[in-house]
């Protein structure tokens, strides 16, 4: 089972590298969207924590 996880990890890394090399614009869009979502989540968490202190 550990070998399977190891090989799946290698396959995932290879897929990501292939995707970045063949579709750089799409990959940049995915990263941009993901970071935007993280920033939105952080802002929401910040508002929640500030509301607890008020």
PDB file of N, CA and C in Angstrom:
ATOM      1  N   UNK A   1       0.826  -1.197   0.000  1.00  0.00           N
ATOM      2  CA  UNK A   1       0.000   0.000   0.000  1.00  0.00           C
ATOM      3  C   UNK A   1       0.869   1.260   0.000  1.00  0.00           C
ATOM      4  N   UNK A   2       1.977   1.245   0.728  1.00  0.00           N
ATOM      5  CA  UNK A   2       2.859   2.401   0.778  1.00  0.00           C
ATOM      6  C   UNK A   2       3.482   2.660  -0.595  1.00  0.00           C
ATOM      7  N   UNK A   3       3.802   1.579  -1.321  1.00  0.00           N
ATOM      8  CA  UNK A   3       4.374   1.751  -2.658  1.00  0.00           C
ATOM      9  C   UNK A   3       3.362   2.381  -3.603  1.00  0.00           C
ATOM     10  N   UNK A   4       2.099   1.993  -3.462  1.00  0.00           N
ATOM     11  CA  UNK A   4       1.053   2.560  -4.300  1.00  0.00           C
ATOM     12  C   UNK A   4       0.924   4.060  -4.051  1.00  0.00           C
ATOM     13  N   UNK A   5       0.933   4.473  -2.788  1.00  0.00           N
ATOM     14  CA  UNK A   5       0.854   5.892  -2.454  1.00  0.00           C
ATOM     15  C   UNK A   5       2.043   6.652  -3.041  1.00  0.00           C
ATOM     16  N   UNK A   6       3.206   6.050  -2.939  1.00  0.00           N
ATOM     17  CA  UNK A   6       4.425   6.672  -3.459  1.00  0.00           C
ATOM     18  C   UNK A   6       4.304   6.877  -4.969  1.00  0.00           C
ATOM     19  N   UNK A   7       3.858   5.854  -5.694  1.00  0.00           N
ATOM     20  CA  UNK A   7       3.739   5.952  -7.142  1.00  0.00           C
ATOM     21  C   UNK A   7       2.613   6.906  -7.552  1.00  0.00           C
ATOM     22  N   UNK A   8       1.537   6.931  -6.794  1.00  0.00           N
ATOM     23  CA  UNK A   8       0.473   7.884  -7.081  1.00  0.00           C
ATOM     24  C   UNK A   8       0.958   9.322  -6.869  1.00  0.00           C
ATOM     25  N   UNK A   9       1.790   9.518  -5.873  1.00  0.00           N
ATOM     26  CA  UNK A   9       2.378  10.837  -5.638  1.00  0.00           C
ATOM     27  C   UNK A   9       3.260  11.262  -6.799  1.00  0.00           C
ATOM     28  N   UNK A  10       4.085  10.326  -7.289  1.00  0.00           N
ATOM     29  CA  UNK A  10       4.924  10.617  -8.450  1.00  0.00           C
ATOM     30  C   UNK A  10       4.072  10.928  -9.679  1.00  0.00           C
ATOM     31  N   UNK A  11       3.000  10.167  -9.866  1.00  0.00           N
ATOM     32  CA  UNK A  11       2.122  10.393 -11.011  1.00  0.00           C
ATOM     33  C   UNK A  11       1.461  11.764 -10.922  1.00  0.00           C
ATOM     34  N   UNK A  12       1.053  12.156  -9.723  1.00  0.00           N
ATOM     35  CA  UNK A  12       0.442  13.468  -9.537  1.00  0.00           C
ATOM     36  C   UNK A  12       1.431  14.586  -9.854  1.00  0.00           C
ATOM     37  N   UNK A  13       2.649  14.447  -9.371  1.00  0.00           N
ATOM     38  CA  UNK A  13       3.683  15.450  -9.652  1.00  0.00           C
ATOM     39  C   UNK A  13       3.962  15.532 -11.147  1.00  0.00           C
ATOM     40  N   UNK A  14       4.041  14.380 -11.806  1.00  0.00           N
ATOM     41  CA  UNK A  14       4.276  14.355 -13.250  1.00  0.00           C
ATOM     42  C   UNK A  14       3.118  15.026 -13.997  1.00  0.00           C
ATOM     43  N   UNK A  15       1.888  14.758 -13.568  1.00  0.00           N
ATOM     44  CA  UNK A  15       0.723  15.373 -14.214  1.00  0.00           C
ATOM     45  C   UNK A  15       0.746  16.884 -14.050  1.00  0.00           C
ATOM     46  N   UNK A  16       1.044  17.354 -12.850  1.00  0.00           N
ATOM     47  CA  UNK A  16       1.090  18.800 -12.608  1.00  0.00           C
ATOM     48  C   UNK A  16       2.179  19.442 -13.464  1.00  0.00           C
ATOM     49  N   UNK A  17       3.348  18.826 -13.530  1.00  0.00           N
ATOM     50  CA  UNK A  17       4.435  19.363 -14.356  1.00  0.00           C
ATOM     51  C   UNK A  17       4.019  19.394 -15.828  1.00  0.00           C
ATOM     52  N   UNK A  18       3.401  18.329 -16.303  1.00  0.00           N
ATOM     53  CA  UNK A  18       2.938  18.268 -17.689  1.00  0.00           C
ATOM     54  C   UNK A  18       1.912  19.365 -17.959  1.00  0.00           C
ATOM     55  N   UNK A  19       0.980  19.539 -17.043  1.00  0.00           N
ATOM     56  CA  UNK A  19      -0.062  20.563 -17.185  1.00  0.00           C
ATOM     57  C   UNK A  19       0.554  21.955 -17.230  1.00  0.00           C
ATOM     58  N   UNK A  20       1.511  22.221 -16.341  1.00  0.00           N
ATOM     59  CA  UNK A  20       2.158  23.532 -16.317  1.00  0.00           C
ATOM     60  C   UNK A  20       2.913  23.808 -17.605  1.00  0.00           C
ATOM     61  N   UNK A  21       3.555  22.793 -18.159  1.00  0.00           N
ATOM     62  CA  UNK A  21       4.347  22.982 -19.362  1.00  0.00           C
ATOM     63  C   UNK A  21       3.495  23.090 -20.624  1.00  0.00           C
ATOM     64  N   UNK A  22       2.373  22.398 -20.661  1.00  0.00           N
ATOM     65  CA  UNK A  22       1.561  22.395 -21.870  1.00  0.00           C
ATOM     66  C   UNK A  22       0.449  23.438 -21.858  1.00  0.00           C
ATOM     67  N   UNK A  23      -0.014  23.838 -20.701  1.00  0.00           N
ATOM     68  CA  UNK A  23      -1.114  24.800 -20.578  1.00  0.00           C
ATOM     69  C   UNK A  23      -0.777  25.878 -19.550  1.00  0.00           C
ATOM     70  N   UNK A  24       0.263  26.679 -19.780  1.00  0.00           N
ATOM     71  CA  UNK A  24       0.671  27.644 -18.739  1.00  0.00           C
ATOM     72  C   UNK A  24      -0.402  28.697 -18.429  1.00  0.00           C
ATOM     73  N   UNK A  25      -1.165  29.136 -19.447  1.00  0.00           N
ATOM     74  CA  UNK A  25      -2.197  30.146 -19.182  1.00  0.00           C
ATOM     75  C   UNK A  25      -3.311  29.572 -18.310  1.00  0.00           C
ATOM     76  N   UNK A  26      -3.727  28.364 -18.616  1.00  0.00           N
ATOM     77  CA  UNK A  26      -4.775  27.723 -17.815  1.00  0.00           C
ATOM     78  C   UNK A  26      -4.287  27.457 -16.395  1.00  0.00           C
ATOM     79  N   UNK A  27      -3.040  27.015 -16.277  1.00  0.00           N
ATOM     80  CA  UNK A  27      -2.477  26.744 -14.951  1.00  0.00           C
ATOM     81  C   UNK A  27      -2.419  28.035 -14.129  1.00  0.00           C
ATOM     82  N   UNK A  28      -2.046  29.138 -14.772  1.00  0.00           N
ATOM     83  CA  UNK A  28      -2.004  30.417 -14.062  1.00  0.00           C
ATOM     84  C   UNK A  28      -3.404  30.826 -13.613  1.00  0.00           C
ATOM     85  N   UNK A  29      -4.393  30.554 -14.440  1.00  0.00           N
ATOM     86  CA  UNK A  29      -5.769  30.867 -14.061  1.00  0.00           C
ATOM     87  C   UNK A  29      -6.231  30.057 -12.872  1.00  0.00           C
ATOM     88  N   UNK A  30      -5.864  28.783 -12.844  1.00  0.00           N
ATOM     89  CA  UNK A  30      -6.226  27.921 -11.715  1.00  0.00           C
ATOM     90  C   UNK A  30      -5.573  28.435 -10.432  1.00  0.00           C
ATOM     91  N   UNK A  31      -4.297  28.785 -10.516  1.00  0.00           N
ATOM     92  CA  UNK A  31      -3.583  29.303  -9.336  1.00  0.00           C
ATOM     93  C   UNK A  31      -4.214  30.618  -8.883  1.00  0.00           C
ATOM     94  N   UNK A  32      -4.511  31.500  -9.825  1.00  0.00           N
ATOM     95  CA  UNK A  32      -5.112  32.797  -9.496  1.00  0.00           C
ATOM     96  C   UNK A  32      -6.463  32.611  -8.802  1.00  0.00           C
ATOM     97  N   UNK A  33      -7.273  31.722  -9.341  1.00  0.00           N
ATOM     98  CA  UNK A  33      -8.584  31.453  -8.743  1.00  0.00           C
ATOM     99  C   UNK A  33      -8.437  30.862  -7.344  1.00  0.00           C
ATOM    100  N   UNK A  34      -7.509  29.923  -7.185  1.00  0.00           N
ATOM    101  CA  UNK A  34      -7.289  29.300  -5.882  1.00  0.00           C
ATOM    102  C   UNK A  34      -6.815  30.295  -4.838  1.00  0.00           C
ATOM    103  N   UNK A  35      -5.882  31.157  -5.232  1.00  0.00           N
ATOM    104  CA  UNK A  35      -5.389  32.160  -4.291  1.00  0.00           C
ATOM    105  C   UNK A  35      -6.476  33.176  -3.947  1.00  0.00           C
ATOM    106  N   UNK A  36      -7.298  33.503  -4.926  1.00  0.00           N
ATOM    107  CA  UNK A  36      -8.422  34.407  -4.658  1.00  0.00           C
ATOM    108  C   UNK A  36      -9.380  33.808  -3.641  1.00  0.00           C
ATOM    109  N   UNK A  37      -9.633  32.508  -3.766  1.00  0.00           N
ATOM    110  CA  UNK A  37     -10.493  31.823  -2.804  1.00  0.00           C
ATOM    111  C   UNK A  37      -9.893  31.805  -1.414  1.00  0.00           C
ATOM    112  N   UNK A  38      -8.583  31.578  -1.340  1.00  0.00           N
ATOM    113  CA  UNK A  38      -7.908  31.590  -0.035  1.00  0.00           C
ATOM    114  C   UNK A  38      -7.954  32.977   0.600  1.00  0.00           C
ATOM    115  N   UNK A  39      -7.758  33.994  -0.218  1.00  0.00           N
ATOM    116  CA  UNK A  39      -7.808  35.363   0.314  1.00  0.00           C
ATOM    117  C   UNK A  39      -9.212  35.697   0.816  1.00  0.00           C
ATOM    118  N   UNK A  40     -10.221  35.259   0.094  1.00  0.00           N
ATOM    119  CA  UNK A  40     -11.599  35.491   0.520  1.00  0.00           C
ATOM    120  C   UNK A  40     -11.888  34.766   1.835  1.00  0.00           C
ATOM    121  N   UNK A  41     -11.414  33.538   1.946  1.00  0.00           N
ATOM    122  CA  UNK A  41     -11.617  32.777   3.182  1.00  0.00           C
ATOM    123  C   UNK A  41     -10.899  33.444   4.351  1.00  0.00           C
ATOM    124  N   UNK A  42      -9.693  33.934   4.123  1.00  0.00           N
ATOM    125  CA  UNK A  42      -8.941  34.607   5.185  1.00  0.00           C
ATOM    126  C   UNK A  42      -9.651  35.887   5.622  1.00  0.00           C
ATOM    127  N   UNK A  43     -10.194  36.622   4.661  1.00  0.00           N
ATOM    128  CA  UNK A  43     -10.918  37.844   4.998  1.00  0.00           C
ATOM    129  C   UNK A  43     -12.173  37.525   5.812  1.00  0.00           C
ATOM    130  N   UNK A  44     -12.874  36.475   5.419  1.00  0.00           N
ATOM    131  CA  UNK A  44     -14.071  36.085   6.161  1.00  0.00           C
ATOM    132  C   UNK A  44     -13.724  35.647   7.578  1.00  0.00           C
ATOM    133  N   UNK A  45     -12.658  34.896   7.719  1.00  0.00           N
ATOM    134  CA  UNK A  45     -12.217  34.469   9.044  1.00  0.00           C
ATOM    135  C   UNK A  45     -11.813  35.664   9.888  1.00  0.00           C
ATOM    136  N   UNK A  46     -11.157  36.626   9.280  1.00  0.00           N
ATOM    137  CA  UNK A  46     -10.760  37.835  10.000  1.00  0.00           C
ATOM    138  C   UNK A  46     -11.981  38.608  10.503  1.00  0.00           C
ATOM    139  N   UNK A  47     -13.007  38.734   9.640  1.00  0.00           N
ATOM    140  CA  UNK A  47     -14.230  39.425  10.064  1.00  0.00           C
ATOM    141  C   UNK A  47     -14.911  38.675  11.204  1.00  0.00           C
ATOM    142  N   UNK A  48     -14.907  37.347  11.135  1.00  0.00           N
ATOM    143  CA  UNK A  48     -15.518  36.534  12.179  1.00  0.00           C
ATOM    144  C   UNK A  48     -14.806  36.733  13.519  1.00  0.00           C
ATOM    145  N   UNK A  49     -13.468  36.688  13.499  1.00  0.00           N
ATOM    146  CA  UNK A  49     -12.698  36.852  14.740  1.00  0.00           C
ATOM    147  C   UNK A  49     -12.898  38.267  15.296  1.00  0.00           C
ATOM    148  N   UNK A  50     -12.940  39.250  14.420  1.00  0.00           N
ATOM    149  CA  UNK A  50     -13.176  40.618  14.897  1.00  0.00           C
ATOM    150  C   UNK A  50     -14.566  40.768  15.491  1.00  0.00           C
ATOM    151  N   UNK A  51     -15.547  40.086  14.941  1.00  0.00           N
ATOM    152  CA  UNK A  51     -16.907  40.146  15.470  1.00  0.00           C
ATOM    153  C   UNK A  51     -16.977  39.485  16.849  1.00  0.00           C
ATOM    154  N   UNK A  52     -16.161  38.474  17.074  1.00  0.00           N
ATOM    155  CA  UNK A  52     -16.139  37.834  18.402  1.00  0.00           C
ATOM    156  C   UNK A  52     -15.628  38.781  19.468  1.00  0.00           C
ATOM    157  N   UNK A  53     -14.672  39.637  19.089  1.00  0.00           N
ATOM    158  CA  UNK A  53     -14.084  40.565  20.060  1.00  0.00           C
ATOM    159  C   UNK A  53     -14.933  41.776  20.307  1.00  0.00           C
ATOM    160  N   UNK A  54     -15.877  42.060  19.454  1.00  0.00           N
ATOM    161  CA  UNK A  54     -16.686  43.287  19.588  1.00  0.00           C
ATOM    162  C   UNK A  54     -17.792  43.123  20.604  1.00  0.00           C
TER     163      UNK A  54
END
